[in-house]
């Protein structure tokens, strides 16, 4: 059973027979069907079945020469609604199946952002046509979560917000320069990190860590596309899985100036989301690459 199946409203799927019925139904009633040629006489197929607003299940498999479909894997998905990054992206195949991971080095995040690629068929079509690597792509991120809570916001006035925005822009410029080998930028970033570490170490003795750290984005666990995040809630809505009738939150989060949608079962979210409050949880990151 997929760990994040409950994130899109299927917490009651406990048996293999239940899952098999769900997957067969998803293939038979899929709203979107995508195909591309594979090696030899095989043909890859990807089916998207929507079970609510912008979320559902994806099934990937192949047809053989006798036109018989064999499922290779499935996964729950959540659709992103806005472009998260314009940085260049590289894609690598997973070892055990025809699925792919994307890597994006966005300076806003501070780490190499690794995500599970949603539009595999589009990528394979370009790969078969020898049109890769391709420049000018954009990335739409989304995430599924199975454990999260809502935190109160840090109180900030307009002056604090302007100061934070200015500091972020300055840091991004320094990071971009450091990437190009600018020694002055590297030294400035090192001194800034040392000052920040010293300030937090002093304040944490008397203050709560979540009153000092506004947002964070950190790798979580042993799988490279899962993260622990704290982000500001920009927008949210409560939707219902049309099949299971379970309620699912769709929360738009701003995390380190990276904006993406997070989908989580209402039962797994502690607290009431509101615009301006913060989302703290563990996520599985997915991405849709917009190819020009």
Protein backbone atom coordinates (compact mmCIF):
# COMPACT_ATOMS: atom_id res chain seq x y z
CA UNK A 1 0.00 0.00 0.00
CA UNK A 2 1.36 3.41 -0.94
CA UNK A 3 2.21 5.44 2.17
CA UNK A 4 0.64 8.64 0.81
CA UNK A 5 -2.55 7.07 -0.54
CA UNK A 6 -4.34 8.38 2.56
CA UNK A 7 -3.27 11.94 1.68
CA UNK A 8 -5.78 11.99 -1.22
CA UNK A 9 -8.60 10.46 0.82
CA UNK A 10 -8.01 6.69 0.80
CA UNK A 11 -7.17 6.01 4.44
CA UNK A 12 -9.56 3.04 4.54
CA UNK A 13 -7.78 1.05 1.83
CA UNK A 14 -6.18 -1.67 3.95
CA UNK A 15 -6.32 -4.83 1.83
CA UNK A 16 -4.69 -5.74 -1.47
CA UNK A 17 -8.10 -6.73 -2.89
CA UNK A 18 -9.51 -3.27 -2.12
CA UNK A 19 -6.52 -1.63 -3.79
CA UNK A 20 -6.83 -3.84 -6.86
CA UNK A 21 -10.49 -2.91 -7.30
CA UNK A 22 -9.62 0.78 -6.96
CA UNK A 23 -6.84 0.57 -9.55
CA UNK A 24 -8.99 -1.33 -12.07
CA UNK A 25 -11.75 1.26 -11.64
CA UNK A 26 -9.18 4.08 -12.08
CA UNK A 27 -7.89 2.64 -15.37
CA UNK A 28 -11.39 2.02 -16.74
CA UNK A 29 -12.70 5.51 -15.89
CA UNK A 30 -9.53 7.62 -16.26
CA UNK A 31 -10.12 11.17 -17.51
CA UNK A 32 -6.64 11.48 -19.04
CA UNK A 33 -4.87 8.77 -21.05
CA UNK A 34 -1.34 9.30 -22.39
CA UNK A 35 0.71 6.98 -24.60
CA UNK A 36 4.18 6.79 -26.11
CA UNK A 37 6.26 4.09 -27.79
CA UNK A 38 8.79 2.04 -25.85
CA UNK A 39 11.46 -0.45 -26.83
CA UNK A 40 10.50 -3.04 -29.45
CA UNK A 41 6.75 -3.45 -29.89
CA UNK A 42 5.81 -2.17 -26.44
CA UNK A 43 3.86 0.99 -25.76
CA UNK A 44 3.89 2.89 -22.47
CA UNK A 45 0.61 4.18 -21.04
CA UNK A 46 -0.17 6.56 -18.20
CA UNK A 47 -3.68 6.95 -16.79
CA UNK A 48 -4.81 9.81 -14.55
CA UNK A 49 -7.99 9.33 -12.54
CA UNK A 50 -9.33 12.37 -10.66
CA UNK A 51 -11.08 11.72 -7.35
CA UNK A 52 -11.41 15.36 -6.33
CA UNK A 53 -10.35 18.88 -7.22
CA UNK A 54 -6.79 18.54 -8.56
CA UNK A 55 -5.91 15.19 -6.97
CA UNK A 56 -6.26 11.50 -7.74
CA UNK A 57 -4.31 8.40 -8.75
CA UNK A 58 -1.87 7.84 -11.61
CA UNK A 59 -1.27 4.36 -13.07
CA UNK A 60 1.72 3.66 -15.33
CA UNK A 61 2.26 0.50 -17.35
CA UNK A 62 2.78 -0.89 -20.81
CA UNK A 63 0.94 -2.67 -23.61
CA UNK A 64 2.59 -5.69 -25.21
CA UNK A 65 2.35 -6.87 -28.83
CA UNK A 66 -0.99 -8.56 -28.01
CA UNK A 67 -2.47 -5.27 -26.77
CA UNK A 68 -2.55 -6.44 -23.14
CA UNK A 69 -1.96 -3.81 -20.47
CA UNK A 70 0.32 -4.61 -17.52
CA UNK A 71 0.53 -2.14 -14.66
CA UNK A 72 4.08 -1.37 -13.57
CA UNK A 73 3.29 1.02 -10.70
CA UNK A 74 0.79 3.52 -9.37
CA UNK A 75 0.97 6.56 -7.10
CA UNK A 76 -1.40 9.18 -5.64
CA UNK A 77 -0.89 12.65 -7.06
CA UNK A 78 -1.75 16.23 -6.25
CA UNK A 79 -1.74 18.86 -8.98
CA UNK A 80 0.25 22.06 -8.57
CA UNK A 81 -1.53 25.27 -9.54
CA UNK A 82 1.32 27.75 -9.99
CA UNK A 83 4.89 27.82 -11.32
CA UNK A 84 7.35 27.27 -8.47
CA UNK A 85 10.69 27.68 -10.26
CA UNK A 86 12.26 28.64 -13.58
CA UNK A 87 15.65 27.08 -12.82
CA UNK A 88 17.10 24.41 -15.11
CA UNK A 89 16.08 20.85 -14.29
CA UNK A 90 17.80 17.51 -14.78
CA UNK A 91 15.97 14.18 -14.78
CA UNK A 92 17.22 10.72 -13.73
CA UNK A 93 15.50 7.34 -14.00
CA UNK A 94 14.84 5.27 -10.88
CA UNK A 95 16.69 1.95 -10.85
CA UNK A 96 13.79 -0.48 -10.38
CA UNK A 97 11.07 0.89 -12.69
CA UNK A 98 10.24 3.34 -15.46
CA UNK A 99 9.76 6.27 -13.09
CA UNK A 100 11.88 9.39 -12.84
CA UNK A 101 13.23 11.89 -10.33
CA UNK A 102 13.79 15.53 -11.18
CA UNK A 103 16.56 17.66 -9.67
CA UNK A 104 16.30 21.44 -9.49
CA UNK A 105 19.02 23.64 -7.98
CA UNK A 106 16.89 26.60 -6.94
CA UNK A 107 18.90 29.06 -4.85
CA UNK A 108 15.82 29.95 -2.78
CA UNK A 109 15.73 26.50 -1.19
CA UNK A 110 19.38 26.13 -0.25
CA UNK A 111 19.53 22.41 -1.17
CA UNK A 112 19.19 20.46 -4.41
CA UNK A 113 15.44 20.04 -4.72
CA UNK A 114 14.59 16.45 -5.72
CA UNK A 115 11.03 15.58 -6.73
CA UNK A 116 9.01 12.70 -8.21
CA UNK A 117 8.26 13.44 -11.88
CA UNK A 118 4.53 13.42 -12.73
CA UNK A 119 4.54 13.87 -16.51
CA UNK A 120 6.69 10.86 -17.45
CA UNK A 121 5.09 10.38 -20.88
CA UNK A 122 5.95 13.94 -21.95
CA UNK A 123 9.54 13.38 -20.90
CA UNK A 124 9.77 10.03 -22.71
CA UNK A 125 8.41 11.54 -25.93
CA UNK A 126 11.15 14.19 -25.89
CA UNK A 127 13.73 11.56 -25.00
CA UNK A 128 12.66 9.34 -27.93
CA UNK A 129 12.89 12.36 -30.24
CA UNK A 130 16.44 13.19 -28.99
CA UNK A 131 15.36 16.65 -27.88
CA UNK A 132 16.94 16.47 -24.42
CA UNK A 133 18.33 18.28 -22.51
CA UNK A 134 15.94 21.17 -23.06
CA UNK A 135 16.36 24.75 -21.85
CA UNK A 136 13.61 27.19 -20.90
CA UNK A 137 11.57 24.81 -18.78
CA UNK A 138 9.52 25.76 -15.73
CA UNK A 139 8.53 23.64 -12.77
CA UNK A 140 5.15 23.26 -11.04
CA UNK A 141 5.59 21.65 -7.63
CA UNK A 142 3.06 19.94 -5.40
CA UNK A 143 3.28 17.68 -2.36
CA UNK A 144 1.40 15.05 -0.38
CA UNK A 145 1.55 14.87 3.40
CA UNK A 146 0.48 12.23 5.92
CA UNK A 147 1.41 14.09 9.10
CA UNK A 148 1.26 17.84 9.79
CA UNK A 149 0.17 20.52 12.22
CA UNK A 150 -0.75 24.19 12.09
CA UNK A 151 1.43 26.77 13.86
CA UNK A 152 0.54 30.34 14.75
CA UNK A 153 2.33 33.00 12.70
CA UNK A 154 5.25 35.10 13.86
CA UNK A 155 4.02 38.63 14.45
CA UNK A 156 5.53 40.99 11.88
CA UNK A 157 4.71 44.57 10.94
CA UNK A 158 5.15 46.11 7.48
CA UNK A 159 8.66 47.30 8.32
CA UNK A 160 9.70 43.77 9.32
CA UNK A 161 8.23 42.33 6.12
CA UNK A 162 10.11 44.85 3.94
CA UNK A 163 13.34 44.16 5.81
CA UNK A 164 12.90 40.40 5.36
CA UNK A 165 12.17 40.78 1.64
CA UNK A 166 15.23 42.96 1.14
CA UNK A 167 17.45 40.54 3.08
CA UNK A 168 16.16 37.61 1.02
CA UNK A 169 16.87 39.39 -2.28
CA UNK A 170 20.38 40.27 -1.10
CA UNK A 171 21.07 36.70 -0.01
CA UNK A 172 19.80 35.30 -3.33
CA UNK A 173 22.14 37.64 -5.22
CA UNK A 174 25.07 36.51 -3.05
CA UNK A 175 24.18 32.85 -3.59
CA UNK A 176 24.03 33.38 -7.34
CA UNK A 177 27.43 35.09 -7.27
CA UNK A 178 28.89 32.35 -5.04
CA UNK A 179 27.80 29.76 -7.59
CA UNK A 180 29.94 31.56 -10.14
CA UNK A 181 32.95 31.38 -7.82
CA UNK A 182 32.86 34.91 -6.37
CA UNK A 183 35.10 34.67 -3.27
CA UNK A 184 33.73 37.89 -1.72
CA UNK A 185 30.17 36.52 -1.96
CA UNK A 186 31.26 33.21 -0.39
CA UNK A 187 32.93 35.06 2.47
CA UNK A 188 29.87 37.29 3.02
CA UNK A 189 27.56 34.26 3.14
CA UNK A 190 29.87 32.46 5.57
CA UNK A 191 29.97 35.45 7.94
CA UNK A 192 26.20 35.86 7.67
CA UNK A 193 25.63 32.19 8.57
CA UNK A 194 27.99 32.50 11.54
CA UNK A 195 26.14 35.58 12.80
CA UNK A 196 22.78 33.83 12.38
CA UNK A 197 24.01 30.75 14.25
CA UNK A 198 25.32 32.91 17.09
CA UNK A 199 22.06 34.90 17.32
CA UNK A 200 19.84 31.79 17.34
CA UNK A 201 22.07 30.00 19.88
CA UNK A 202 21.71 32.96 22.21
CA UNK A 203 17.96 33.45 21.78
CA UNK A 204 16.99 29.78 21.91
CA UNK A 205 17.88 29.67 25.61
CA UNK A 206 14.86 31.87 26.36
CA UNK A 207 12.60 31.58 23.32
CA UNK A 208 10.81 28.77 21.48
CA UNK A 209 12.48 27.60 18.26
CA UNK A 210 9.28 28.13 16.23
CA UNK A 211 9.19 31.80 17.25
CA UNK A 212 12.67 32.23 15.73
CA UNK A 213 12.41 30.09 12.57
CA UNK A 214 9.73 31.45 10.23
CA UNK A 215 10.10 28.88 7.43
CA UNK A 216 12.34 25.89 6.82
CA UNK A 217 12.93 23.27 4.13
CA UNK A 218 14.95 20.19 5.09
CA UNK A 219 15.40 16.66 3.68
CA UNK A 220 13.59 14.08 5.79
CA UNK A 221 14.22 10.35 6.15
CA UNK A 222 16.20 8.19 3.74
CA UNK A 223 14.21 8.90 0.56
CA UNK A 224 15.56 11.87 -1.33
CA UNK A 225 12.18 13.37 -2.39
CA UNK A 226 10.71 13.67 1.12
CA UNK A 227 11.12 16.81 3.24
CA UNK A 228 10.28 18.35 6.57
CA UNK A 229 8.92 21.86 6.01
CA UNK A 230 7.57 24.90 7.79
CA UNK A 231 5.84 27.35 5.48
CA UNK A 232 3.36 30.20 5.54
CA UNK A 233 -0.16 29.38 4.37
CA UNK A 234 -1.03 31.56 1.37
CA UNK A 235 -4.40 29.98 0.56
CA UNK A 236 -6.36 26.81 1.32
CA UNK A 237 -9.57 24.97 0.58
CA UNK A 238 -11.31 21.87 1.91
CA UNK A 239 -12.39 19.42 -0.78
CA UNK A 240 -13.95 15.94 -0.74
CA UNK A 241 -12.80 12.71 -2.34
CA UNK A 242 -15.79 11.82 -4.53
CA UNK A 243 -15.15 8.08 -4.18
CA UNK A 244 -14.36 7.65 -0.46
CA UNK A 245 -16.16 10.82 0.78
CA UNK A 246 -13.13 11.67 2.95
CA UNK A 247 -12.19 15.35 3.26
CA UNK A 248 -8.85 16.57 1.92
CA UNK A 249 -7.17 19.92 2.54
CA UNK A 250 -5.47 21.63 -0.41
CA UNK A 251 -3.07 24.14 1.14
CA UNK A 252 -0.93 26.62 -0.81
CA UNK A 253 2.32 27.09 1.12
CA UNK A 254 5.12 29.65 0.80
CA UNK A 255 8.28 27.95 2.04
CA UNK A 256 11.59 29.81 1.61
CA UNK A 257 9.90 31.83 -1.19
CA UNK A 258 9.03 28.55 -2.93
CA UNK A 259 5.26 28.34 -3.49
CA UNK A 260 3.51 24.98 -3.97
CA UNK A 261 0.33 23.06 -3.09
CA UNK A 262 0.20 20.51 -0.27
CA UNK A 263 -2.58 17.89 -0.10
CA UNK A 264 -3.37 16.23 3.23
CA UNK A 265 -6.24 14.21 4.67
CA UNK A 266 -8.22 16.27 7.17
CA UNK A 267 -7.76 13.48 9.75
CA UNK A 268 -3.96 13.81 9.55
CA UNK A 269 -3.83 17.58 10.08
CA UNK A 270 -3.65 18.89 13.64
CA UNK A 271 -5.17 22.37 13.90
CA UNK A 272 -7.24 24.67 11.71
CA UNK A 273 -5.48 26.20 8.68
CA UNK A 274 -5.90 29.92 8.12
CA UNK A 275 -4.18 32.34 5.75
CA UNK A 276 -1.09 33.70 7.52
CA UNK A 277 -0.68 30.72 9.83
CA UNK A 278 2.12 28.23 9.25
CA UNK A 279 2.07 24.65 8.00
CA UNK A 280 4.55 22.26 9.64
CA UNK A 281 4.72 18.75 8.31
CA UNK A 282 6.42 15.97 6.37
CA UNK A 283 5.85 15.93 2.62
CA UNK A 284 6.50 13.84 -0.49
CA UNK A 285 7.46 16.28 -3.24
CA UNK A 286 6.13 15.87 -6.78
CA UNK A 287 6.79 17.99 -9.84
CA UNK A 288 5.36 18.68 -13.30
CA UNK A 289 7.87 20.03 -15.83
CA UNK A 290 6.46 22.49 -18.37
CA UNK A 291 8.45 21.79 -21.54
CA UNK A 292 8.51 24.66 -24.06
